[in-house]
PDB file of N, CA and C in Angstrom:
ATOM      1  N   MET A   1      23.660  29.752  24.356  1.00  0.00           N
ATOM      2  CA  MET A   1      23.515  30.226  22.998  1.00  0.00           C
ATOM      3  C   MET A   1      24.377  29.398  22.043  1.00  0.00           C
ATOM      4  N   SER A   2      25.481  28.887  22.556  1.00  0.00           N
ATOM      5  CA  SER A   2      26.369  28.086  21.730  1.00  0.00           C
ATOM      6  C   SER A   2      25.698  26.803  21.270  1.00  0.00           C
ATOM      7  N   ASN A   3      24.871  26.224  22.116  1.00  0.00           N
ATOM      8  CA  ASN A   3      24.169  25.002  21.740  1.00  0.00           C
ATOM      9  C   ASN A   3      23.212  25.233  20.578  1.00  0.00           C
ATOM     10  N   PHE A   4      22.590  26.419  20.549  1.00  0.00           N
ATOM     11  CA  PHE A   4      21.687  26.752  19.453  1.00  0.00           C
ATOM     12  C   PHE A   4      22.436  26.760  18.121  1.00  0.00           C
ATOM     13  N   TRP A   5      23.576  27.435  18.084  1.00  0.00           N
ATOM     14  CA  TRP A   5      24.338  27.525  16.834  1.00  0.00           C
ATOM     15  C   TRP A   5      24.954  26.180  16.461  1.00  0.00           C
ATOM     16  N   ASP A   6      25.315  25.380  17.454  1.00  0.00           N
ATOM     17  CA  ASP A   6      25.795  24.028  17.171  1.00  0.00           C
ATOM     18  C   ASP A   6      24.701  23.192  16.520  1.00  0.00           C
ATOM     19  N   LEU A   7      23.482  23.341  17.007  1.00  0.00           N
ATOM     20  CA  LEU A   7      22.346  22.622  16.424  1.00  0.00           C
ATOM     21  C   LEU A   7      22.077  23.078  14.993  1.00  0.00           C
ATOM     22  N   ILE A   8      22.126  24.386  14.776  1.00  0.00           N
ATOM     23  CA  ILE A   8      21.925  24.922  13.419  1.00  0.00           C
ATOM     24  C   ILE A   8      23.019  24.404  12.494  1.00  0.00           C
ATOM     25  N   LEU A   9      24.261  24.414  12.955  1.00  0.00           N
ATOM     26  CA  LEU A   9      25.374  23.918  12.144  1.00  0.00           C
ATOM     27  C   LEU A   9      25.214  22.431  11.853  1.00  0.00           C
ATOM     28  N   LEU A  10      24.766  21.658  12.826  1.00  0.00           N
ATOM     29  CA  LEU A  10      24.541  20.230  12.629  1.00  0.00           C
ATOM     30  C   LEU A  10      23.446  19.994  11.590  1.00  0.00           C
ATOM     31  N   MET A  11      22.349  20.735  11.680  1.00  0.00           N
ATOM     32  CA  MET A  11      21.256  20.579  10.711  1.00  0.00           C
ATOM     33  C   MET A  11      21.707  20.972   9.309  1.00  0.00           C
ATOM     34  N   LEU A  12      22.444  22.058   9.209  1.00  0.00           N
ATOM     35  CA  LEU A  12      22.931  22.508   7.903  1.00  0.00           C
ATOM     36  C   LEU A  12      23.906  21.509   7.295  1.00  0.00           C
ATOM     37  N   SER A  13      24.838  21.020   8.094  1.00  0.00           N
ATOM     38  CA  SER A  13      25.813  20.065   7.568  1.00  0.00           C
ATOM     39  C   SER A  13      25.140  18.736   7.209  1.00  0.00           C
ATOM     40  N   THR A  14      24.128  18.332   7.962  1.00  0.00           N
ATOM     41  CA  THR A  14      23.378  17.117   7.626  1.00  0.00           C
ATOM     42  C   THR A  14      22.649  17.295   6.305  1.00  0.00           C
ATOM     43  N   PHE A  15      22.034  18.457   6.110  1.00  0.00           N
ATOM     44  CA  PHE A  15      21.345  18.744   4.857  1.00  0.00           C
ATOM     45  C   PHE A  15      22.314  18.690   3.669  1.00  0.00           C
ATOM     46  N   VAL A  16      23.472  19.329   3.816  1.00  0.00           N
ATOM     47  CA  VAL A  16      24.465  19.345   2.738  1.00  0.00           C
ATOM     48  C   VAL A  16      24.962  17.931   2.448  1.00  0.00           C
ATOM     49  N   LEU A  17      25.202  17.129   3.470  1.00  0.00           N
ATOM     50  CA  LEU A  17      25.668  15.764   3.274  1.00  0.00           C
ATOM     51  C   LEU A  17      24.622  14.925   2.537  1.00  0.00           C
ATOM     52  N   ILE A  18      23.369  15.024   2.949  1.00  0.00           N
ATOM     53  CA  ILE A  18      22.310  14.244   2.292  1.00  0.00           C
ATOM     54  C   ILE A  18      22.137  14.691   0.848  1.00  0.00           C
ATOM     55  N   ALA A  19      22.163  16.008   0.603  1.00  0.00           N
ATOM     56  CA  ALA A  19      22.045  16.514  -0.770  1.00  0.00           C
ATOM     57  C   ALA A  19      23.212  16.008  -1.622  1.00  0.00           C
ATOM     58  N   TYR A  20      24.420  16.034  -1.072  1.00  0.00           N
ATOM     59  CA  TYR A  20      25.586  15.553  -1.803  1.00  0.00           C
ATOM     60  C   TYR A  20      25.456  14.056  -2.121  1.00  0.00           C
ATOM     61  N   LEU A  21      25.019  13.261  -1.143  1.00  0.00           N
ATOM     62  CA  LEU A  21      24.865  11.823  -1.377  1.00  0.00           C
ATOM     63  C   LEU A  21      23.802  11.537  -2.442  1.00  0.00           C
ATOM     64  N   LEU A  22      22.711  12.294  -2.416  1.00  0.00           N
ATOM     65  CA  LEU A  22      21.680  12.122  -3.453  1.00  0.00           C
ATOM     66  C   LEU A  22      22.240  12.413  -4.843  1.00  0.00           C
ATOM     67  N   ILE A  23      23.009  13.483  -4.955  1.00  0.00           N
ATOM     68  CA  ILE A  23      23.623  13.828  -6.241  1.00  0.00           C
ATOM     69  C   ILE A  23      24.604  12.749  -6.659  1.00  0.00           C
ATOM     70  N   LEU A  24      25.419  12.288  -5.736  1.00  0.00           N
ATOM     71  CA  LEU A  24      26.403  11.253  -6.029  1.00  0.00           C
ATOM     72  C   LEU A  24      25.732   9.964  -6.507  1.00  0.00           C
ATOM     73  N   PHE A  25      24.677   9.532  -5.824  1.00  0.00           N
ATOM     74  CA  PHE A  25      23.967   8.317  -6.236  1.00  0.00           C
ATOM     75  C   PHE A  25      23.308   8.503  -7.592  1.00  0.00           C
ATOM     76  N   GLN A  26      22.771   9.694  -7.850  1.00  0.00           N
ATOM     77  CA  GLN A  26      22.148   9.965  -9.143  1.00  0.00           C
ATOM     78  C   GLN A  26      23.192   9.881 -10.265  1.00  0.00           C
ATOM     79  N   ILE A  27      24.389  10.372 -10.014  1.00  0.00           N
ATOM     80  CA  ILE A  27      25.456  10.307 -11.016  1.00  0.00           C
ATOM     81  C   ILE A  27      25.856   8.859 -11.271  1.00  0.00           C
ATOM     82  N   VAL A  28      26.014   8.069 -10.219  1.00  0.00           N
ATOM     83  CA  VAL A  28      26.402   6.664 -10.390  1.00  0.00           C
ATOM     84  C   VAL A  28      25.322   5.900 -11.151  1.00  0.00           C
ATOM     85  N   VAL A  29      24.055   6.134 -10.814  1.00  0.00           N
ATOM     86  CA  VAL A  29      22.959   5.476 -11.538  1.00  0.00           C
ATOM     87  C   VAL A  29      22.983   5.883 -13.006  1.00  0.00           C
ATOM     88  N   ASP A  30      23.212   7.173 -13.266  1.00  0.00           N
ATOM     89  CA  ASP A  30      23.261   7.649 -14.650  1.00  0.00           C
ATOM     90  C   ASP A  30      24.423   7.026 -15.409  1.00  0.00           C
ATOM     91  N   LEU A  31      25.552   6.841 -14.751  1.00  0.00           N
ATOM     92  CA  LEU A  31      26.692   6.206 -15.414  1.00  0.00           C
ATOM     93  C   LEU A  31      26.327   4.804 -15.900  1.00  0.00           C
ATOM     94  N   PHE A  32      25.670   4.042 -15.058  1.00  0.00           N
ATOM     95  CA  PHE A  32      25.323   2.674 -15.436  1.00  0.00           C
ATOM     96  C   PHE A  32      24.137   2.628 -16.395  1.00  0.00           C
ATOM     97  N   ARG A  33      23.305   3.667 -16.416  1.00  0.00           N
ATOM     98  CA  ARG A  33      22.157   3.714 -17.307  1.00  0.00           C
ATOM     99  C   ARG A  33      22.569   4.071 -18.734  1.00  0.00           C
ATOM    100  N   ASP A  34      23.677   4.790 -18.887  1.00  0.00           N
ATOM    101  CA  ASP A  34      24.102   5.280 -20.202  1.00  0.00           C
ATOM    102  C   ASP A  34      24.751   4.151 -21.000  1.00  0.00           C
ATOM    103  N   SER A  35      24.052   3.700 -22.045  1.00  0.00           N
ATOM    104  CA  SER A  35      24.586   2.613 -22.875  1.00  0.00           C
ATOM    105  C   SER A  35      25.563   3.118 -23.934  1.00  0.00           C
ATOM    106  N   ASP A  36      25.576   4.416 -24.184  1.00  0.00           N
ATOM    107  CA  ASP A  36      26.489   4.974 -25.188  1.00  0.00           C
ATOM    108  C   ASP A  36      27.904   5.165 -24.649  1.00  0.00           C
ATOM    109  N   LEU A  37      28.033   5.287 -23.351  1.00  0.00           N
ATOM    110  CA  LEU A  37      29.343   5.508 -22.731  1.00  0.00           C
ATOM    111  C   LEU A  37      30.062   4.174 -22.574  1.00  0.00           C
ATOM    112  N   GLY A  38      31.319   4.132 -22.967  1.00  0.00           N
ATOM    113  CA  GLY A  38      32.086   2.896 -22.886  1.00  0.00           C
ATOM    114  C   GLY A  38      32.476   2.539 -21.460  1.00  0.00           C
ATOM    115  N   GLY A  39      32.886   1.298 -21.272  1.00  0.00           N
ATOM    116  CA  GLY A  39      33.259   0.812 -19.949  1.00  0.00           C
ATOM    117  C   GLY A  39      34.452   1.545 -19.361  1.00  0.00           C
ATOM    118  N   GLY A  40      35.444   1.846 -20.203  1.00  0.00           N
ATOM    119  CA  GLY A  40      36.620   2.566 -19.714  1.00  0.00           C
ATOM    120  C   GLY A  40      36.273   3.952 -19.216  1.00  0.00           C
ATOM    121  N   SER A  41      35.402   4.634 -19.933  1.00  0.00           N
ATOM    122  CA  SER A  41      34.974   5.969 -19.503  1.00  0.00           C
ATOM    123  C   SER A  41      34.203   5.899 -18.192  1.00  0.00           C
ATOM    124  N   LYS A  42      33.381   4.871 -18.056  1.00  0.00           N
ATOM    125  CA  LYS A  42      32.628   4.715 -16.812  1.00  0.00           C
ATOM    126  C   LYS A  42      33.583   4.507 -15.637  1.00  0.00           C
ATOM    127  N   VAL A  43      34.599   3.698 -15.848  1.00  0.00           N
ATOM    128  CA  VAL A  43      35.585   3.445 -14.786  1.00  0.00           C
ATOM    129  C   VAL A  43      36.314   4.734 -14.420  1.00  0.00           C
ATOM    130  N   LEU A  44      36.692   5.538 -15.424  1.00  0.00           N
ATOM    131  CA  LEU A  44      37.382   6.798 -15.136  1.00  0.00           C
ATOM    132  C   LEU A  44      36.497   7.746 -14.336  1.00  0.00           C
ATOM    133  N   TRP A  45      35.220   7.842 -14.705  1.00  0.00           N
ATOM    134  CA  TRP A  45      34.296   8.685 -13.942  1.00  0.00           C
ATOM    135  C   TRP A  45      34.178   8.184 -12.503  1.00  0.00           C
ATOM    136  N   LEU A  46      34.073   6.859 -12.319  1.00  0.00           N
ATOM    137  CA  LEU A  46      33.952   6.307 -10.969  1.00  0.00           C
ATOM    138  C   LEU A  46      35.212   6.547 -10.142  1.00  0.00           C
ATOM    139  N   ILE A  47      36.371   6.403 -10.763  1.00  0.00           N
ATOM    140  CA  ILE A  47      37.630   6.684 -10.052  1.00  0.00           C
ATOM    141  C   ILE A  47      37.678   8.152  -9.644  1.00  0.00           C
ATOM    142  N   GLY A  48      37.252   9.021 -10.557  1.00  0.00           N
ATOM    143  CA  GLY A  48      37.192  10.443 -10.223  1.00  0.00           C
ATOM    144  C   GLY A  48      36.244  10.713  -9.067  1.00  0.00           C
ATOM    145  N   LEU A  49      35.104  10.028  -9.057  1.00  0.00           N
ATOM    146  CA  LEU A  49      34.143  10.221  -7.963  1.00  0.00           C
ATOM    147  C   LEU A  49      34.678   9.719  -6.633  1.00  0.00           C
ATOM    148  N   ILE A  50      35.588   8.752  -6.676  1.00  0.00           N
ATOM    149  CA  ILE A  50      36.165   8.229  -5.431  1.00  0.00           C
ATOM    150  C   ILE A  50      37.250   9.161  -4.895  1.00  0.00           C
ATOM    151  N   PHE A  51      38.143   9.633  -5.774  1.00  0.00           N
ATOM    152  CA  PHE A  51      39.300  10.405  -5.318  1.00  0.00           C
ATOM    153  C   PHE A  51      39.072  11.909  -5.270  1.00  0.00           C
ATOM    154  N   LEU A  52      38.266  12.465  -6.175  1.00  0.00           N
ATOM    155  CA  LEU A  52      37.943  13.896  -6.167  1.00  0.00           C
ATOM    156  C   LEU A  52      36.428  14.047  -6.315  1.00  0.00           C
ATOM    157  N   PRO A  53      35.671  13.635  -5.304  1.00  0.00           N
ATOM    158  CA  PRO A  53      34.220  13.525  -5.479  1.00  0.00           C
ATOM    159  C   PRO A  53      33.512  14.841  -5.793  1.00  0.00           C
ATOM    160  N   GLY A  54      33.822  15.895  -5.086  1.00  0.00           N
ATOM    161  CA  GLY A  54      33.130  17.167  -5.313  1.00  0.00           C
ATOM    162  C   GLY A  54      33.398  17.728  -6.693  1.00  0.00           C
ATOM    163  N   LEU A  55      34.666  17.805  -7.057  1.00  0.00           N
ATOM    164  CA  LEU A  55      35.041  18.347  -8.363  1.00  0.00           C
ATOM    165  C   LEU A  55      34.501  17.486  -9.499  1.00  0.00           C
ATOM    166  N   THR A  56      34.616  16.184  -9.364  1.00  0.00           N
ATOM    167  CA  THR A  56      34.134  15.278 -10.409  1.00  0.00           C
ATOM    168  C   THR A  56      32.619  15.384 -10.559  1.00  0.00           C
ATOM    169  N   ALA A  57      31.907  15.512  -9.457  1.00  0.00           N
ATOM    170  CA  ALA A  57      30.445  15.639  -9.520  1.00  0.00           C
ATOM    171  C   ALA A  57      30.045  16.915 -10.250  1.00  0.00           C
ATOM    172  N   ILE A  58      30.720  18.009  -9.961  1.00  0.00           N
ATOM    173  CA  ILE A  58      30.411  19.269 -10.637  1.00  0.00           C
ATOM    174  C   ILE A  58      30.725  19.167 -12.126  1.00  0.00           C
ATOM    175  N   VAL A  59      31.885  18.616 -12.464  1.00  0.00           N
ATOM    176  CA  VAL A  59      32.259  18.468 -13.880  1.00  0.00           C
ATOM    177  C   VAL A  59      31.270  17.546 -14.599  1.00  0.00           C
ATOM    178  N   TYR A  60      30.863  16.470 -13.955  1.00  0.00           N
ATOM    179  CA  TYR A  60      29.919  15.529 -14.568  1.00  0.00           C
ATOM    180  C   TYR A  60      28.588  16.207 -14.852  1.00  0.00           C
ATOM    181  N   ILE A  61      28.086  16.947 -13.884  1.00  0.00           N
ATOM    182  CA  ILE A  61      26.795  17.612 -14.066  1.00  0.00           C
ATOM    183  C   ILE A  61      26.876  18.670 -15.157  1.00  0.00           C
ATOM    184  N   VAL A  62      27.961  19.411 -15.212  1.00  0.00           N
ATOM    185  CA  VAL A  62      28.104  20.429 -16.252  1.00  0.00           C
ATOM    186  C   VAL A  62      28.276  19.782 -17.625  1.00  0.00           C
ATOM    187  N   ALA A  63      29.112  18.753 -17.708  1.00  0.00           N
ATOM    188  CA  ALA A  63      29.423  18.141 -18.998  1.00  0.00           C
ATOM    189  C   ALA A  63      28.315  17.230 -19.509  1.00  0.00           C
ATOM    190  N   ARG A  64      27.644  16.530 -18.621  1.00  0.00           N
ATOM    191  CA  ARG A  64      26.689  15.515 -19.049  1.00  0.00           C
ATOM    192  C   ARG A  64      25.286  15.715 -18.496  1.00  0.00           C
ATOM    193  N   GLY A  65      24.994  16.907 -17.985  1.00  0.00           N
ATOM    194  CA  GLY A  65      23.712  17.184 -17.358  1.00  0.00           C
ATOM    195  C   GLY A  65      22.525  17.020 -18.290  1.00  0.00           C
ATOM    196  N   ARG A  66      22.639  17.512 -19.513  1.00  0.00           N
ATOM    197  CA  ARG A  66      21.520  17.416 -20.457  1.00  0.00           C
ATOM    198  C   ARG A  66      21.216  15.953 -20.784  1.00  0.00           C
ATOM    199  N   GLY A  67      22.244  15.169 -21.059  1.00  0.00           N
ATOM    200  CA  GLY A  67      22.042  13.746 -21.337  1.00  0.00           C
ATOM    201  C   GLY A  67      21.507  13.018 -20.118  1.00  0.00           C
ATOM    202  N   MET A  68      21.928  13.448 -18.950  1.00  0.00           N
ATOM    203  CA  MET A  68      21.455  12.861 -17.706  1.00  0.00           C
ATOM    204  C   MET A  68      19.937  13.061 -17.576  1.00  0.00           C
ATOM    205  N   ALA A  69      19.479  14.255 -17.883  1.00  0.00           N
ATOM    206  CA  ALA A  69      18.048  14.552 -17.816  1.00  0.00           C
ATOM    207  C   ALA A  69      17.272  13.751 -18.858  1.00  0.00           C
ATOM    208  N   GLU A  70      17.828  13.620 -20.050  1.00  0.00           N
ATOM    209  CA  GLU A  70      17.151  12.861 -21.108  1.00  0.00           C
ATOM    210  C   GLU A  70      17.044  11.381 -20.746  1.00  0.00           C
ATOM    211  N   ARG A  71      18.113  10.815 -20.184  1.00  0.00           N
ATOM    212  CA  ARG A  71      18.066   9.409 -19.778  1.00  0.00           C
ATOM    213  C   ARG A  71      17.075   9.196 -18.637  1.00  0.00           C
ATOM    214  N   GLN A  72      17.012  10.150 -17.712  1.00  0.00           N
ATOM    215  CA  GLN A  72      16.049  10.052 -16.609  1.00  0.00           C
ATOM    216  C   GLN A  72      14.622  10.122 -17.149  1.00  0.00           C
ATOM    217  N   ARG A  73      14.392  11.051 -18.079  1.00  0.00           N
ATOM    218  CA  ARG A  73      13.059  11.195 -18.669  1.00  0.00           C
ATOM    219  C   ARG A  73      12.665   9.928 -19.416  1.00  0.00           C
ATOM    220  N   ALA A  74      13.584   9.347 -20.172  1.00  0.00           N
ATOM    221  CA  ALA A  74      13.306   8.114 -20.915  1.00  0.00           C
ATOM    222  C   ALA A  74      13.008   6.963 -19.956  1.00  0.00           C
ATOM    223  N   SER A  75      13.728   6.902 -18.858  1.00  0.00           N
ATOM    224  CA  SER A  75      13.503   5.847 -17.877  1.00  0.00           C
ATOM    225  C   SER A  75      12.117   5.974 -17.244  1.00  0.00           C
ATOM    226  N   VAL A  76      11.722   7.192 -16.911  1.00  0.00           N
ATOM    227  CA  VAL A  76      10.400   7.414 -16.320  1.00  0.00           C
ATOM    228  C   VAL A  76       9.316   7.080 -17.341  1.00  0.00           C
ATOM    229  N   GLN A  77       9.520   7.487 -18.593  1.00  0.00           N
ATOM    230  CA  GLN A  77       8.534   7.196 -19.639  1.00  0.00           C
ATOM    231  C   GLN A  77       8.398   5.688 -19.856  1.00  0.00           C
ATOM    232  N   ARG A  78       9.525   4.983 -19.853  1.00  0.00           N
ATOM    233  CA  ARG A  78       9.507   3.530 -20.020  1.00  0.00           C
ATOM    234  C   ARG A  78       8.752   2.861 -18.861  1.00  0.00           C
ATOM    235  N   ALA A  79       9.007   3.320 -17.659  1.00  0.00           N
ATOM    236  CA  ALA A  79       8.320   2.767 -16.490  1.00  0.00           C
ATOM    237  C   ALA A  79       6.821   3.049 -16.556  1.00  0.00           C
ATOM    238  N   LYS A  80       6.458   4.237 -17.016  1.00  0.00           N
ATOM    239  CA  LYS A  80       5.038   4.574 -17.131  1.00  0.00           C
ATOM    240  C   LYS A  80       4.350   3.714 -18.182  1.00  0.00           C
ATOM    241  N   SER A  81       4.990   3.535 -19.329  1.00  0.00           N
ATOM    242  CA  SER A  81       4.369   2.718 -20.378  1.00  0.00           C
ATOM    243  C   SER A  81       4.282   1.251 -19.941  1.00  0.00           C
ATOM    244  N   ASP A  82       5.281   0.759 -19.222  1.00  0.00           N
ATOM    245  CA  ASP A  82       5.211  -0.605 -18.698  1.00  0.00           C
ATOM    246  C   ASP A  82       4.068  -0.755 -17.694  1.00  0.00           C
ATOM    247  N   THR A  83       3.906   0.241 -16.840  1.00  0.00           N
ATOM    248  CA  THR A  83       2.815   0.215 -15.867  1.00  0.00           C
ATOM    249  C   THR A  83       1.466   0.268 -16.562  1.00  0.00           C
ATOM    250  N   ASP A  84       1.339   1.149 -17.555  1.00  0.00           N
ATOM    251  CA  ASP A  84       0.079   1.246 -18.312  1.00  0.00           C
ATOM    252  C   ASP A  84      -0.241  -0.057 -19.021  1.00  0.00           C
ATOM    253  N   ALA A  85       0.767  -0.686 -19.610  1.00  0.00           N
ATOM    254  CA  ALA A  85       0.550  -1.960 -20.299  1.00  0.00           C
ATOM    255  C   ALA A  85       0.116  -3.038 -19.305  1.00  0.00           C
ATOM    256  N   TYR A  86       0.720  -3.042 -18.135  1.00  0.00           N
ATOM    257  CA  TYR A  86       0.344  -4.028 -17.117  1.00  0.00           C
ATOM    258  C   TYR A  86      -1.096  -3.797 -16.654  1.00  0.00           C
ATOM    259  N   ILE A  87      -1.450  -2.552 -16.439  1.00  0.00           N
ATOM    260  CA  ILE A  87      -2.811  -2.240 -15.997  1.00  0.00           C
ATOM    261  C   ILE A  87      -3.824  -2.647 -17.062  1.00  0.00           C
ATOM    262  N   ARG A  88      -3.503  -2.363 -18.328  1.00  0.00           N
ATOM    263  CA  ARG A  88      -4.399  -2.781 -19.413  1.00  0.00           C
ATOM    264  C   ARG A  88      -4.544  -4.300 -19.453  1.00  0.00           C
ATOM    265  N   GLN A  89      -3.445  -4.999 -19.248  1.00  0.00           N
ATOM    266  CA  GLN A  89      -3.468  -6.461 -19.270  1.00  0.00           C
ATOM    267  C   GLN A  89      -4.323  -6.997 -18.125  1.00  0.00           C
ATOM    268  N   VAL A  90      -4.151  -6.433 -16.940  1.00  0.00           N
ATOM    269  CA  VAL A  90      -4.904  -6.885 -15.786  1.00  0.00           C
ATOM    270  C   VAL A  90      -6.379  -6.507 -15.918  1.00  0.00           C
ATOM    271  N   ALA A  91      -6.642  -5.339 -16.487  1.00  0.00           N
ATOM    272  CA  ALA A  91      -8.023  -4.894 -16.664  1.00  0.00           C
ATOM    273  C   ALA A  91      -8.758  -5.802 -17.643  1.00  0.00           C
ATOM    274  N   GLY A  92      -8.049  -6.381 -18.589  1.00  0.00           N
ATOM    275  CA  GLY A  92      -8.621  -7.373 -19.481  1.00  0.00           C
ATOM    276  C   GLY A  92      -9.354  -6.825 -20.687  1.00  0.00           C
ATOM    277  N   LYS A  93      -9.430  -5.535 -20.857  1.00  0.00           N
ATOM    278  CA  LYS A  93     -10.113  -4.982 -22.021  1.00  0.00           C
ATOM    279  C   LYS A  93      -9.096  -4.659 -23.100  1.00  0.00           C
ATOM    280  N   SER A  94      -9.421  -5.032 -24.312  1.00  0.00           N
ATOM    281  CA  SER A  94      -8.555  -4.712 -25.442  1.00  0.00           C
ATOM    282  C   SER A  94      -8.804  -3.256 -25.837  1.00  0.00           C
ATOM    283  N   PRO A  95      -7.895  -2.668 -26.599  1.00  0.00           N
ATOM    284  CA  PRO A  95      -8.120  -1.295 -27.066  1.00  0.00           C
ATOM    285  C   PRO A  95      -9.425  -1.146 -27.853  1.00  0.00           C
ATOM    286  N   ALA A  96      -9.774  -2.162 -28.638  1.00  0.00           N
ATOM    287  CA  ALA A  96     -11.020  -2.089 -29.405  1.00  0.00           C
ATOM    288  C   ALA A  96     -12.235  -2.031 -28.476  1.00  0.00           C
ATOM    289  N   GLU A  97     -12.194  -2.800 -27.400  1.00  0.00           N
ATOM    290  CA  GLU A  97     -13.296  -2.779 -26.437  1.00  0.00           C
ATOM    291  C   GLU A  97     -13.370  -1.429 -25.715  1.00  0.00           C
ATOM    292  N   GLN A  98     -12.213  -0.867 -25.388  1.00  0.00           N
ATOM    293  CA  GLN A  98     -12.189   0.437 -24.742  1.00  0.00           C
ATOM    294  C   GLN A  98     -12.766   1.508 -25.653  1.00  0.00           C
ATOM    295  N   ILE A  99     -12.396   1.471 -26.949  1.00  0.00           N
ATOM    296  CA  ILE A  99     -12.914   2.447 -27.904  1.00  0.00           C
ATOM    297  C   ILE A  99     -14.412   2.246 -28.086  1.00  0.00           C
ATOM    298  N   SER A 100     -14.853   1.006 -28.130  1.00  0.00           N
ATOM    299  CA  SER A 100     -16.276   0.711 -28.264  1.00  0.00           C
ATOM    300  C   SER A 100     -17.060   1.256 -27.071  1.00  0.00           C
ATOM    301  N   ASP A 101     -16.526   1.071 -25.876  1.00  0.00           N
ATOM    302  CA  ASP A 101     -17.182   1.603 -24.683  1.00  0.00           C
ATOM    303  C   ASP A 101     -17.231   3.133 -24.718  1.00  0.00           C
ATOM    304  N   ALA A 102     -16.127   3.743 -25.153  1.00  0.00           N
ATOM    305  CA  ALA A 102     -16.082   5.202 -25.252  1.00  0.00           C
ATOM    306  C   ALA A 102     -17.075   5.701 -26.301  1.00  0.00           C
ATOM    307  N   LYS A 103     -17.196   4.996 -27.408  1.00  0.00           N
ATOM    308  CA  LYS A 103     -18.153   5.371 -28.464  1.00  0.00           C
ATOM    309  C   LYS A 103     -19.583   5.277 -27.942  1.00  0.00           C
ATOM    310  N   ALA A 104     -19.863   4.267 -27.130  1.00  0.00           N
ATOM    311  CA  ALA A 104     -21.196   4.136 -26.543  1.00  0.00           C
ATOM    312  C   ALA A 104     -21.486   5.311 -25.613  1.00  0.00           C
ATOM    313  N   LEU A 105     -20.494   5.744 -24.861  1.00  0.00           N
ATOM    314  CA  LEU A 105     -20.661   6.911 -24.000  1.00  0.00           C
ATOM    315  C   LEU A 105     -20.884   8.170 -24.823  1.00  0.00           C
ATOM    316  N   LEU A 106     -20.171   8.283 -25.943  1.00  0.00           N
ATOM    317  CA  LEU A 106     -20.344   9.436 -26.833  1.00  0.00           C
ATOM    318  C   LEU A 106     -21.747   9.447 -27.428  1.00  0.00           C
ATOM    319  N   ASP A 107     -22.188   8.301 -27.902  1.00  0.00           N
ATOM    320  CA  ASP A 107     -23.520   8.204 -28.498  1.00  0.00           C
ATOM    321  C   ASP A 107     -24.621   8.491 -27.483  1.00  0.00           C
ATOM    322  N   ALA A 108     -24.378   8.130 -26.234  1.00  0.00           N
ATOM    323  CA  ALA A 108     -25.368   8.370 -25.189  1.00  0.00           C
ATOM    324  C   ALA A 108     -25.347   9.821 -24.711  1.00  0.00           C
ATOM    325  N   GLY A 109     -24.327  10.577 -25.131  1.00  0.00           N
ATOM    326  CA  GLY A 109     -24.219  11.975 -24.732  1.00  0.00           C
ATOM    327  C   GLY A 109     -23.549  12.181 -23.390  1.00  0.00           C
ATOM    328  N   THR A 110     -22.978  11.122 -22.825  1.00  0.00           N
ATOM    329  CA  THR A 110     -22.312  11.220 -21.528  1.00  0.00           C
ATOM    330  C   THR A 110     -21.001  11.996 -21.637  1.00  0.00           C
ATOM    331  N   ILE A 111     -20.294  11.819 -22.739  1.00  0.00           N
ATOM    332  CA  ILE A 111     -19.043  12.535 -22.972  1.00  0.00           C
ATOM    333  C   ILE A 111     -19.148  13.282 -24.294  1.00  0.00           C
ATOM    334  N   ASN A 112     -18.274  14.278 -24.473  1.00  0.00           N
ATOM    335  CA  ASN A 112     -18.274  15.020 -25.741  1.00  0.00           C
ATOM    336  C   ASN A 112     -17.204  14.462 -26.681  1.00  0.00           C
ATOM    337  N   GLN A 113     -17.110  15.036 -27.864  1.00  0.00           N
ATOM    338  CA  GLN A 113     -16.191  14.535 -28.896  1.00  0.00           C
ATOM    339  C   GLN A 113     -14.726  14.631 -28.446  1.00  0.00           C
ATOM    340  N   GLU A 114     -14.405  15.719 -27.734  1.00  0.00           N
ATOM    341  CA  GLU A 114     -13.022  15.897 -27.268  1.00  0.00           C
ATOM    342  C   GLU A 114     -12.636  14.808 -26.267  1.00  0.00           C
ATOM    343  N   GLU A 115     -13.529  14.502 -25.335  1.00  0.00           N
ATOM    344  CA  GLU A 115     -13.252  13.451 -24.355  1.00  0.00           C
ATOM    345  C   GLU A 115     -13.162  12.089 -25.038  1.00  0.00           C
ATOM    346  N   PHE A 116     -13.999  11.868 -26.056  1.00  0.00           N
ATOM    347  CA  PHE A 116     -13.926  10.619 -26.812  1.00  0.00           C
ATOM    348  C   PHE A 116     -12.569  10.487 -27.494  1.00  0.00           C
ATOM    349  N   ALA A 117     -12.090  11.591 -28.093  1.00  0.00           N
ATOM    350  CA  ALA A 117     -10.793  11.563 -28.766  1.00  0.00           C
ATOM    351  C   ALA A 117      -9.680  11.239 -27.767  1.00  0.00           C
ATOM    352  N   LYS A 118      -9.757  11.805 -26.560  1.00  0.00           N
ATOM    353  CA  LYS A 118      -8.739  11.521 -25.543  1.00  0.00           C
ATOM    354  C   LYS A 118      -8.769  10.046 -25.125  1.00  0.00           C
ATOM    355  N   LEU A 119      -9.974   9.522 -24.906  1.00  0.00           N
ATOM    356  CA  LEU A 119     -10.104   8.104 -24.524  1.00  0.00           C
ATOM    357  C   LEU A 119      -9.610   7.183 -25.630  1.00  0.00           C
ATOM    358  N   LYS A 120      -9.898   7.553 -26.882  1.00  0.00           N
ATOM    359  CA  LYS A 120      -9.465   6.745 -28.019  1.00  0.00           C
ATOM    360  C   LYS A 120      -7.935   6.757 -28.107  1.00  0.00           C
ATOM    361  N   ALA A 121      -7.347   7.942 -27.982  1.00  0.00           N
ATOM    362  CA  ALA A 121      -5.881   8.047 -28.039  1.00  0.00           C
ATOM    363  C   ALA A 121      -5.231   7.261 -26.913  1.00  0.00           C
ATOM    364  N   LYS A 122      -5.843   7.320 -25.719  1.00  0.00           N
ATOM    365  CA  LYS A 122      -5.297   6.585 -24.574  1.00  0.00           C
ATOM    366  C   LYS A 122      -5.397   5.079 -24.800  1.00  0.00           C
ATOM    367  N   ALA A 123      -6.498   4.625 -25.407  1.00  0.00           N
ATOM    368  CA  ALA A 123      -6.669   3.195 -25.665  1.00  0.00           C
ATOM    369  C   ALA A 123      -5.673   2.701 -26.706  1.00  0.00           C
ATOM    370  N   LEU A 124      -5.338   3.551 -27.660  1.00  0.00           N
ATOM    371  CA  LEU A 124      -4.421   3.163 -28.734  1.00  0.00           C
ATOM    372  C   LEU A 124      -2.957   3.316 -28.346  1.00  0.00           C
ATOM    373  N   ALA A 125      -2.700   4.014 -27.244  1.00  0.00           N
ATOM    374  CA  ALA A 125      -1.308   4.265 -26.826  1.00  0.00           C
ATOM    375  C   ALA A 125      -0.647   3.000 -26.313  1.00  0.00           C
TER     376      ALA A 125
END
């Protein structure tokens, strides 16, 4: 029976360690992503993460959690727009051609006005 509880304890401690490392890496990435934070402040946060990692991580998330989420959201949005621009470039159709194709579909009755508006907005984005 002892082996069972040892296994459960090992799985639980492994889960906690991996979760902690994910949080720690996310904090370090956020520190380097934040252009508003000065270099000295970044160094102080990193020193805190080295010497008092648990406490510093909790304080960082409480103090800077909202900004952390905003920077993550902006990064994802930037990556999405870059990907969309690349796909448009590779696809080779200009926004005007995309709108023209969508208008032809609308005129043919294949799509409705709402779908045309969505396609037009997507082409212009």
